[in-house]
Amino acid sequence: MIPKVTFHWSFGLQMYVLKSRFSAEKLERTTNKLKRFWKKHGKLILSEIEKETNLKWFRKEIKVFLFSGYHQSIPNPLLLNDWDGDKDFLIFDLTRMLINLSFIDNGKYTFNVKIEDLYSLATSIALKILEKNKLINKQKILRYLCTYESFILSLKSNEKGATRKKSRK
């Protein structure tokens, strides 16, 4: 069963939970843009996720809440960064979060599995699905992912350096 996906944005989420600046008009525009895209391509993406992961959907409805800010998107509840309205990133991140949500619902997240491994797998599957169906600019997404990975690696190396310095005392 393919679930119904609905898109929303929430003043309360934005102001009181995320505590980040936002433009209500911009979030409304992005939400409407995403609704139009989803109406045209949503069933295809959800079917492709089922096919690529060999997992079934258990939910009748998936609510997606868009937000503005620097926070990362999360799959459960599905909170989706609006990426400043960038359609390619929005579609890529939505697909990736839906895949992660499917992993969660199908019990793939356990103490024996590294979260990073499933996130990486979801990223690969999302790229494959979206590229195959020509729904995003893959090169733009790959440039971002490479930049982001370099940033994360530099943070990890800084953490290790700080830990070593502390342990020498």
N, C-alpha and C. Protein backbone atom coordinates (compact mmCIF):
# COMPACT_ATOMS: atom_id res chain seq x y z
N MET A 1 0.84 -1.18 0.00
CA MET A 1 0.00 0.00 0.00
C MET A 1 0.89 1.25 0.00
N ILE A 2 0.68 2.11 -0.95
CA ILE A 2 1.42 3.36 -1.03
C ILE A 2 0.74 4.39 -0.10
N PRO A 3 1.50 4.98 0.83
CA PRO A 3 0.87 5.93 1.75
C PRO A 3 0.60 7.29 1.10
N LYS A 4 -0.34 8.00 1.68
CA LYS A 4 -0.59 9.38 1.26
C LYS A 4 0.44 10.24 1.98
N VAL A 5 1.07 11.15 1.26
CA VAL A 5 2.06 12.06 1.85
C VAL A 5 1.48 13.46 1.82
N THR A 6 1.44 14.10 2.98
CA THR A 6 0.92 15.47 3.07
C THR A 6 2.03 16.40 3.55
N PHE A 7 1.95 17.64 3.11
CA PHE A 7 3.00 18.62 3.41
C PHE A 7 2.41 19.79 4.19
N HIS A 8 3.15 20.19 5.22
CA HIS A 8 2.70 21.25 6.11
C HIS A 8 3.91 22.06 6.56
N TRP A 9 3.64 23.22 7.11
CA TRP A 9 4.66 23.92 7.89
C TRP A 9 3.95 24.45 9.12
N SER A 10 4.72 24.64 10.19
CA SER A 10 4.11 24.97 11.46
C SER A 10 4.81 26.16 12.11
N PHE A 11 4.02 27.18 12.41
CA PHE A 11 4.55 28.34 13.12
C PHE A 11 5.15 27.92 14.47
N GLY A 12 4.42 27.07 15.20
CA GLY A 12 4.89 26.61 16.52
C GLY A 12 6.19 25.84 16.43
N LEU A 13 6.30 24.94 15.47
CA LEU A 13 7.54 24.19 15.28
C LEU A 13 8.69 25.14 15.01
N GLN A 14 8.47 26.07 14.11
CA GLN A 14 9.51 26.99 13.70
C GLN A 14 9.95 27.90 14.86
N MET A 15 8.99 28.47 15.57
CA MET A 15 9.28 29.47 16.61
C MET A 15 9.71 28.87 17.95
N TYR A 16 9.02 27.82 18.37
CA TYR A 16 9.22 27.35 19.74
C TYR A 16 10.08 26.11 19.86
N VAL A 17 10.15 25.32 18.82
CA VAL A 17 10.99 24.12 18.87
C VAL A 17 12.35 24.40 18.23
N LEU A 18 12.33 24.84 16.98
CA LEU A 18 13.57 25.07 16.25
C LEU A 18 14.21 26.42 16.60
N LYS A 19 13.38 27.37 16.98
CA LYS A 19 13.84 28.71 17.38
C LYS A 19 14.75 29.34 16.33
N SER A 20 14.31 29.28 15.08
CA SER A 20 15.10 29.89 14.01
C SER A 20 14.23 30.87 13.23
N ARG A 21 14.88 31.82 12.61
CA ARG A 21 14.17 32.81 11.80
C ARG A 21 13.59 32.15 10.57
N PHE A 22 12.48 32.72 10.11
CA PHE A 22 11.86 32.16 8.92
C PHE A 22 10.92 33.18 8.32
N SER A 23 10.57 32.93 7.07
CA SER A 23 9.58 33.73 6.38
C SER A 23 8.37 32.85 6.11
N ALA A 24 7.23 33.22 6.69
CA ALA A 24 6.02 32.43 6.50
C ALA A 24 5.65 32.35 5.02
N GLU A 25 5.81 33.46 4.30
CA GLU A 25 5.48 33.46 2.87
C GLU A 25 6.38 32.50 2.09
N LYS A 26 7.66 32.50 2.44
CA LYS A 26 8.61 31.64 1.75
C LYS A 26 8.32 30.16 2.05
N LEU A 27 8.02 29.85 3.31
CA LEU A 27 7.68 28.47 3.65
C LEU A 27 6.39 28.03 2.95
N GLU A 28 5.44 28.93 2.87
CA GLU A 28 4.18 28.62 2.18
C GLU A 28 4.44 28.35 0.69
N ARG A 29 5.28 29.18 0.06
CA ARG A 29 5.62 28.98 -1.36
C ARG A 29 6.32 27.64 -1.57
N THR A 30 7.29 27.35 -0.70
CA THR A 30 8.04 26.09 -0.83
C THR A 30 7.13 24.89 -0.61
N THR A 31 6.23 24.98 0.37
CA THR A 31 5.29 23.91 0.63
C THR A 31 4.40 23.68 -0.59
N ASN A 32 3.91 24.74 -1.18
CA ASN A 32 3.06 24.61 -2.38
C ASN A 32 3.84 24.04 -3.56
N LYS A 33 5.09 24.46 -3.72
CA LYS A 33 5.94 23.93 -4.79
C LYS A 33 6.13 22.43 -4.61
N LEU A 34 6.37 22.03 -3.37
CA LEU A 34 6.57 20.61 -3.09
C LEU A 34 5.28 19.81 -3.30
N LYS A 35 4.15 20.38 -2.93
CA LYS A 35 2.85 19.70 -3.16
C LYS A 35 2.63 19.46 -4.65
N ARG A 36 2.92 20.46 -5.48
CA ARG A 36 2.74 20.30 -6.94
C ARG A 36 3.66 19.21 -7.49
N PHE A 37 4.92 19.24 -7.06
CA PHE A 37 5.87 18.22 -7.50
C PHE A 37 5.39 16.83 -7.07
N TRP A 38 4.97 16.73 -5.81
CA TRP A 38 4.58 15.43 -5.27
C TRP A 38 3.34 14.86 -5.96
N LYS A 39 2.42 15.74 -6.30
CA LYS A 39 1.21 15.29 -7.00
C LYS A 39 1.59 14.61 -8.32
N LYS A 40 2.62 15.12 -8.94
CA LYS A 40 3.05 14.61 -10.24
C LYS A 40 3.96 13.38 -10.12
N HIS A 41 4.84 13.34 -9.11
CA HIS A 41 5.89 12.31 -9.04
C HIS A 41 5.88 11.46 -7.77
N GLY A 42 5.02 11.76 -6.82
CA GLY A 42 5.07 11.10 -5.51
C GLY A 42 4.89 9.60 -5.55
N LYS A 43 3.88 9.12 -6.25
CA LYS A 43 3.64 7.67 -6.30
C LYS A 43 4.82 6.94 -6.93
N LEU A 44 5.42 7.54 -7.93
CA LEU A 44 6.60 6.95 -8.57
C LEU A 44 7.73 6.81 -7.56
N ILE A 45 8.01 7.88 -6.81
CA ILE A 45 9.10 7.84 -5.84
C ILE A 45 8.84 6.79 -4.76
N LEU A 46 7.63 6.77 -4.22
CA LEU A 46 7.32 5.79 -3.17
C LEU A 46 7.39 4.35 -3.70
N SER A 47 6.94 4.13 -4.92
CA SER A 47 7.03 2.79 -5.53
C SER A 47 8.48 2.39 -5.75
N GLU A 48 9.28 3.34 -6.21
CA GLU A 48 10.70 3.06 -6.44
C GLU A 48 11.41 2.76 -5.11
N ILE A 49 11.03 3.45 -4.04
CA ILE A 49 11.63 3.17 -2.74
C ILE A 49 11.31 1.73 -2.33
N GLU A 50 10.05 1.32 -2.50
CA GLU A 50 9.67 -0.07 -2.19
C GLU A 50 10.50 -1.05 -3.01
N LYS A 51 10.62 -0.77 -4.29
CA LYS A 51 11.33 -1.67 -5.19
C LYS A 51 12.82 -1.76 -4.84
N GLU A 52 13.44 -0.62 -4.61
CA GLU A 52 14.89 -0.59 -4.34
C GLU A 52 15.26 -1.16 -2.98
N THR A 53 14.39 -0.98 -1.99
CA THR A 53 14.71 -1.43 -0.63
C THR A 53 14.13 -2.80 -0.29
N ASN A 54 13.19 -3.28 -1.11
CA ASN A 54 12.45 -4.51 -0.82
C ASN A 54 11.72 -4.43 0.52
N LEU A 55 11.27 -3.23 0.87
CA LEU A 55 10.53 -3.00 2.10
C LEU A 55 9.14 -2.48 1.76
N LYS A 56 8.20 -2.77 2.61
CA LYS A 56 6.81 -2.33 2.40
C LYS A 56 6.51 -1.11 3.26
N TRP A 57 5.52 -0.35 2.81
CA TRP A 57 5.02 0.78 3.60
C TRP A 57 3.94 0.28 4.54
N PHE A 58 3.99 0.69 5.79
CA PHE A 58 2.98 0.29 6.77
C PHE A 58 2.03 1.44 7.13
N ARG A 59 2.44 2.65 6.87
CA ARG A 59 1.63 3.81 7.23
C ARG A 59 0.63 4.13 6.13
N LYS A 60 -0.54 4.60 6.54
CA LYS A 60 -1.53 5.06 5.57
C LYS A 60 -1.22 6.49 5.15
N GLU A 61 -0.64 7.25 6.08
CA GLU A 61 -0.33 8.66 5.79
C GLU A 61 1.01 9.02 6.42
N ILE A 62 1.77 9.82 5.69
CA ILE A 62 3.03 10.35 6.19
C ILE A 62 2.91 11.87 6.15
N LYS A 63 3.01 12.49 7.31
CA LYS A 63 2.97 13.95 7.38
C LYS A 63 4.40 14.48 7.35
N VAL A 64 4.63 15.42 6.45
CA VAL A 64 5.93 16.05 6.30
C VAL A 64 5.79 17.50 6.73
N PHE A 65 6.61 17.91 7.69
CA PHE A 65 6.61 19.30 8.14
C PHE A 65 7.88 19.98 7.66
N LEU A 66 7.70 21.03 6.83
CA LEU A 66 8.84 21.80 6.35
C LEU A 66 9.22 22.85 7.38
N PHE A 67 10.53 23.14 7.41
CA PHE A 67 11.02 24.20 8.29
C PHE A 67 12.19 24.90 7.63
N SER A 68 12.48 26.10 8.09
CA SER A 68 13.64 26.86 7.64
C SER A 68 14.66 26.86 8.76
N GLY A 69 15.91 26.84 8.41
CA GLY A 69 16.95 26.92 9.42
C GLY A 69 18.14 26.05 9.10
N TYR A 70 19.02 25.94 10.07
CA TYR A 70 20.27 25.23 9.87
C TYR A 70 20.21 23.78 10.36
N HIS A 71 19.10 23.36 10.93
CA HIS A 71 18.97 21.99 11.44
C HIS A 71 18.90 20.99 10.28
N GLN A 72 19.35 19.78 10.55
CA GLN A 72 19.24 18.70 9.58
C GLN A 72 17.81 18.16 9.58
N SER A 73 17.38 17.64 8.46
CA SER A 73 16.08 16.96 8.39
C SER A 73 16.14 15.68 9.22
N ILE A 74 14.99 15.26 9.73
CA ILE A 74 14.92 14.00 10.47
C ILE A 74 13.72 13.20 9.96
N PRO A 75 13.82 11.85 9.98
CA PRO A 75 12.76 11.05 9.37
C PRO A 75 11.53 10.77 10.24
N ASN A 76 11.66 10.79 11.57
CA ASN A 76 10.52 10.37 12.38
C ASN A 76 10.43 11.16 13.68
N PRO A 77 9.56 12.16 13.75
CA PRO A 77 8.60 12.60 12.74
C PRO A 77 9.34 13.24 11.57
N LEU A 78 8.74 13.22 10.40
CA LEU A 78 9.45 13.70 9.22
C LEU A 78 9.44 15.22 9.19
N LEU A 79 10.57 15.79 9.59
CA LEU A 79 10.80 17.24 9.57
C LEU A 79 11.81 17.50 8.46
N LEU A 80 11.41 18.29 7.48
CA LEU A 80 12.21 18.48 6.27
C LEU A 80 12.70 19.91 6.16
N ASN A 81 14.00 20.09 6.12
CA ASN A 81 14.59 21.41 5.90
C ASN A 81 14.14 21.91 4.52
N ASP A 82 13.81 23.17 4.42
CA ASP A 82 13.31 23.70 3.14
C ASP A 82 14.41 24.05 2.15
N TRP A 83 15.66 23.96 2.56
CA TRP A 83 16.80 24.21 1.68
C TRP A 83 16.67 25.53 0.93
N ASP A 84 16.12 26.52 1.57
CA ASP A 84 15.92 27.84 0.94
C ASP A 84 15.15 27.72 -0.37
N GLY A 85 14.27 26.74 -0.46
CA GLY A 85 13.44 26.59 -1.66
C GLY A 85 14.12 25.90 -2.83
N ASP A 86 15.34 25.39 -2.65
CA ASP A 86 16.06 24.72 -3.73
C ASP A 86 15.40 23.37 -4.02
N LYS A 87 14.78 23.27 -5.17
CA LYS A 87 13.97 22.09 -5.51
C LYS A 87 14.80 20.80 -5.52
N ASP A 88 15.99 20.82 -6.08
CA ASP A 88 16.80 19.61 -6.15
C ASP A 88 17.12 19.06 -4.76
N PHE A 89 17.59 19.94 -3.87
CA PHE A 89 17.92 19.50 -2.52
C PHE A 89 16.68 19.07 -1.76
N LEU A 90 15.61 19.78 -1.95
CA LEU A 90 14.35 19.47 -1.28
C LEU A 90 13.87 18.07 -1.66
N ILE A 91 13.87 17.77 -2.93
CA ILE A 91 13.41 16.46 -3.42
C ILE A 91 14.36 15.35 -2.98
N PHE A 92 15.64 15.62 -3.08
CA PHE A 92 16.64 14.64 -2.64
C PHE A 92 16.49 14.34 -1.16
N ASP A 93 16.41 15.38 -0.33
CA ASP A 93 16.33 15.19 1.12
C ASP A 93 15.02 14.52 1.51
N LEU A 94 13.93 14.88 0.85
CA LEU A 94 12.64 14.24 1.12
C LEU A 94 12.72 12.75 0.81
N THR A 95 13.26 12.40 -0.33
CA THR A 95 13.38 10.99 -0.73
C THR A 95 14.26 10.23 0.27
N ARG A 96 15.35 10.84 0.66
CA ARG A 96 16.27 10.22 1.64
C ARG A 96 15.58 10.00 2.99
N MET A 97 14.81 10.99 3.43
CA MET A 97 14.11 10.86 4.72
C MET A 97 12.99 9.80 4.64
N LEU A 98 12.32 9.72 3.49
CA LEU A 98 11.30 8.68 3.32
C LEU A 98 11.92 7.28 3.35
N ILE A 99 13.08 7.14 2.77
CA ILE A 99 13.78 5.85 2.81
C ILE A 99 14.15 5.52 4.26
N ASN A 100 14.68 6.50 4.98
CA ASN A 100 15.02 6.27 6.39
C ASN A 100 13.78 5.94 7.21
N LEU A 101 12.66 6.59 6.92
CA LEU A 101 11.41 6.29 7.61
C LEU A 101 10.98 4.85 7.33
N SER A 102 11.16 4.40 6.09
CA SER A 102 10.84 3.02 5.74
C SER A 102 11.75 2.05 6.50
N PHE A 103 13.03 2.39 6.62
CA PHE A 103 13.95 1.56 7.42
C PHE A 103 13.46 1.47 8.87
N ILE A 104 13.05 2.60 9.43
CA ILE A 104 12.56 2.62 10.82
C ILE A 104 11.33 1.75 10.96
N ASP A 105 10.35 1.94 10.09
CA ASP A 105 9.10 1.20 10.17
C ASP A 105 9.29 -0.31 9.96
N ASN A 106 10.31 -0.67 9.22
CA ASN A 106 10.56 -2.09 8.95
C ASN A 106 11.59 -2.70 9.91
N GLY A 107 11.92 -1.97 10.97
CA GLY A 107 12.80 -2.50 12.02
C GLY A 107 14.26 -2.64 11.63
N LYS A 108 14.72 -1.85 10.68
CA LYS A 108 16.12 -1.95 10.25
C LYS A 108 17.09 -1.22 11.18
N TYR A 109 16.57 -0.26 11.96
CA TYR A 109 17.41 0.42 12.93
C TYR A 109 17.41 -0.39 14.21
N THR A 110 18.54 -1.00 14.52
CA THR A 110 18.70 -1.77 15.75
C THR A 110 20.02 -1.37 16.39
N PHE A 111 20.29 -1.89 17.56
CA PHE A 111 21.55 -1.57 18.24
C PHE A 111 22.75 -2.16 17.51
N ASN A 112 22.50 -3.14 16.64
CA ASN A 112 23.59 -3.80 15.92
C ASN A 112 23.97 -3.08 14.63
N VAL A 113 23.19 -2.07 14.24
CA VAL A 113 23.41 -1.39 12.97
C VAL A 113 23.83 0.05 13.23
N LYS A 114 24.89 0.47 12.55
CA LYS A 114 25.32 1.86 12.67
C LYS A 114 24.34 2.75 11.92
N ILE A 115 23.89 3.80 12.57
CA ILE A 115 22.97 4.73 11.93
C ILE A 115 23.60 5.33 10.68
N GLU A 116 24.89 5.63 10.75
CA GLU A 116 25.58 6.23 9.60
C GLU A 116 25.51 5.32 8.37
N ASP A 117 25.59 4.01 8.59
CA ASP A 117 25.54 3.07 7.47
C ASP A 117 24.18 3.11 6.77
N LEU A 118 23.09 3.15 7.55
CA LEU A 118 21.76 3.21 6.94
C LEU A 118 21.52 4.57 6.29
N TYR A 119 22.03 5.65 6.89
CA TYR A 119 21.89 6.97 6.26
C TYR A 119 22.65 7.00 4.94
N SER A 120 23.83 6.41 4.90
CA SER A 120 24.60 6.35 3.65
C SER A 120 23.87 5.52 2.61
N LEU A 121 23.31 4.40 3.03
CA LEU A 121 22.54 3.56 2.11
C LEU A 121 21.33 4.33 1.57
N ALA A 122 20.63 5.03 2.45
CA ALA A 122 19.47 5.83 2.02
C ALA A 122 19.89 6.89 1.01
N THR A 123 21.03 7.51 1.25
CA THR A 123 21.54 8.54 0.32
C THR A 123 21.80 7.93 -1.05
N SER A 124 22.44 6.77 -1.09
CA SER A 124 22.73 6.10 -2.37
C SER A 124 21.45 5.71 -3.10
N ILE A 125 20.50 5.16 -2.37
CA ILE A 125 19.24 4.74 -2.99
C ILE A 125 18.48 5.96 -3.53
N ALA A 126 18.45 7.03 -2.74
CA ALA A 126 17.76 8.26 -3.18
C ALA A 126 18.37 8.79 -4.47
N LEU A 127 19.70 8.85 -4.53
CA LEU A 127 20.37 9.32 -5.76
C LEU A 127 20.03 8.43 -6.95
N LYS A 128 20.04 7.13 -6.72
CA LYS A 128 19.74 6.19 -7.81
C LYS A 128 18.32 6.39 -8.34
N ILE A 129 17.35 6.47 -7.43
CA ILE A 129 15.95 6.63 -7.83
C ILE A 129 15.74 7.94 -8.58
N LEU A 130 16.25 9.02 -8.01
CA LEU A 130 16.01 10.35 -8.59
C LEU A 130 16.75 10.55 -9.90
N GLU A 131 17.95 9.99 -10.00
CA GLU A 131 18.70 10.11 -11.26
C GLU A 131 18.03 9.27 -12.35
N LYS A 132 17.65 8.06 -12.01
CA LYS A 132 17.02 7.17 -12.99
C LYS A 132 15.77 7.80 -13.59
N ASN A 133 15.02 8.51 -12.77
CA ASN A 133 13.77 9.12 -13.23
C ASN A 133 13.95 10.59 -13.63
N LYS A 134 15.20 11.05 -13.66
CA LYS A 134 15.55 12.40 -14.10
C LYS A 134 14.76 13.48 -13.34
N LEU A 135 14.75 13.34 -12.00
CA LEU A 135 13.99 14.27 -11.17
C LEU A 135 14.84 15.33 -10.48
N ILE A 136 16.18 15.17 -10.51
CA ILE A 136 17.06 16.16 -9.89
C ILE A 136 18.32 16.35 -10.72
N ASN A 137 19.08 17.40 -10.38
CA ASN A 137 20.41 17.63 -10.94
C ASN A 137 21.39 16.89 -10.04
N LYS A 138 21.80 15.71 -10.44
CA LYS A 138 22.65 14.85 -9.60
C LYS A 138 23.99 15.50 -9.29
N GLN A 139 24.58 16.19 -10.24
CA GLN A 139 25.90 16.79 -10.02
C GLN A 139 25.87 17.80 -8.87
N LYS A 140 24.80 18.59 -8.80
CA LYS A 140 24.67 19.58 -7.73
C LYS A 140 24.59 18.88 -6.38
N ILE A 141 23.84 17.80 -6.30
CA ILE A 141 23.70 17.05 -5.05
C ILE A 141 25.04 16.42 -4.66
N LEU A 142 25.73 15.84 -5.62
CA LEU A 142 27.02 15.22 -5.32
C LEU A 142 28.05 16.24 -4.83
N ARG A 143 28.06 17.43 -5.44
CA ARG A 143 28.97 18.49 -4.97
C ARG A 143 28.68 18.83 -3.52
N TYR A 144 27.40 18.96 -3.20
CA TYR A 144 27.03 19.27 -1.82
C TYR A 144 27.47 18.15 -0.88
N LEU A 145 27.19 16.89 -1.25
CA LEU A 145 27.53 15.77 -0.38
C LEU A 145 29.03 15.67 -0.14
N CYS A 146 29.83 15.93 -1.18
CA CYS A 146 31.29 15.90 -1.02
C CYS A 146 31.75 17.02 -0.09
N THR A 147 31.20 18.21 -0.25
CA THR A 147 31.55 19.33 0.61
C THR A 147 31.15 19.04 2.04
N TYR A 148 29.95 18.51 2.22
CA TYR A 148 29.44 18.20 3.56
C TYR A 148 30.30 17.13 4.23
N GLU A 149 30.66 16.08 3.49
CA GLU A 149 31.49 15.01 4.03
C GLU A 149 32.86 15.55 4.45
N SER A 150 33.46 16.43 3.65
CA SER A 150 34.74 17.03 4.01
C SER A 150 34.62 17.83 5.29
N PHE A 151 33.52 18.56 5.42
CA PHE A 151 33.27 19.36 6.63
C PHE A 151 33.16 18.45 7.85
N ILE A 152 32.40 17.37 7.75
CA ILE A 152 32.22 16.44 8.86
C ILE A 152 33.56 15.80 9.24
N LEU A 153 34.34 15.39 8.26
CA LEU A 153 35.64 14.79 8.55
C LEU A 153 36.57 15.78 9.26
N SER A 154 36.51 17.05 8.86
CA SER A 154 37.35 18.04 9.53
C SER A 154 36.89 18.25 10.98
N LEU A 155 35.58 18.21 11.22
CA LEU A 155 35.08 18.31 12.60
C LEU A 155 35.54 17.12 13.43
N LYS A 156 35.47 15.93 12.86
CA LYS A 156 35.89 14.74 13.60
C LYS A 156 37.38 14.78 13.91
N SER A 157 38.19 15.25 12.97
CA SER A 157 39.62 15.32 13.23
C SER A 157 39.93 16.38 14.29
N ASN A 158 39.17 17.48 14.31
CA ASN A 158 39.34 18.48 15.35
C ASN A 158 38.95 17.93 16.72
N GLU A 159 37.89 17.12 16.77
CA GLU A 159 37.47 16.50 18.03
C GLU A 159 38.55 15.57 18.55
N LYS A 160 39.14 14.77 17.68
CA LYS A 160 40.19 13.84 18.10
C LYS A 160 41.40 14.61 18.62
N GLY A 161 41.74 15.71 17.94
CA GLY A 161 42.86 16.53 18.40
C GLY A 161 42.59 17.12 19.77
N ALA A 162 41.39 17.59 19.99
CA ALA A 162 41.02 18.16 21.28
C ALA A 162 41.04 17.08 22.36
N THR A 163 40.61 15.87 22.03
CA THR A 163 40.61 14.77 22.99
C THR A 163 42.04 14.39 23.35
N ARG A 164 42.91 14.35 22.35
CA ARG A 164 44.31 14.00 22.62
C ARG A 164 44.95 15.04 23.52
N LYS A 165 44.71 16.30 23.25
CA LYS A 165 45.30 17.36 24.07
C LYS A 165 44.86 17.24 25.52
N LYS A 166 43.59 16.94 25.74
CA LYS A 166 43.07 16.81 27.10
C LYS A 166 43.70 15.61 27.80
N SER A 167 43.87 14.52 27.07
CA SER A 167 44.38 13.30 27.69
C SER A 167 45.85 13.40 28.04
N ARG A 168 46.59 14.32 27.45
CA ARG A 168 48.02 14.48 27.75
C ARG A 168 48.24 15.14 29.09
N LYS A 169 47.25 15.84 29.60
CA LYS A 169 47.44 16.58 30.85
C LYS A 169 47.49 15.69 32.04
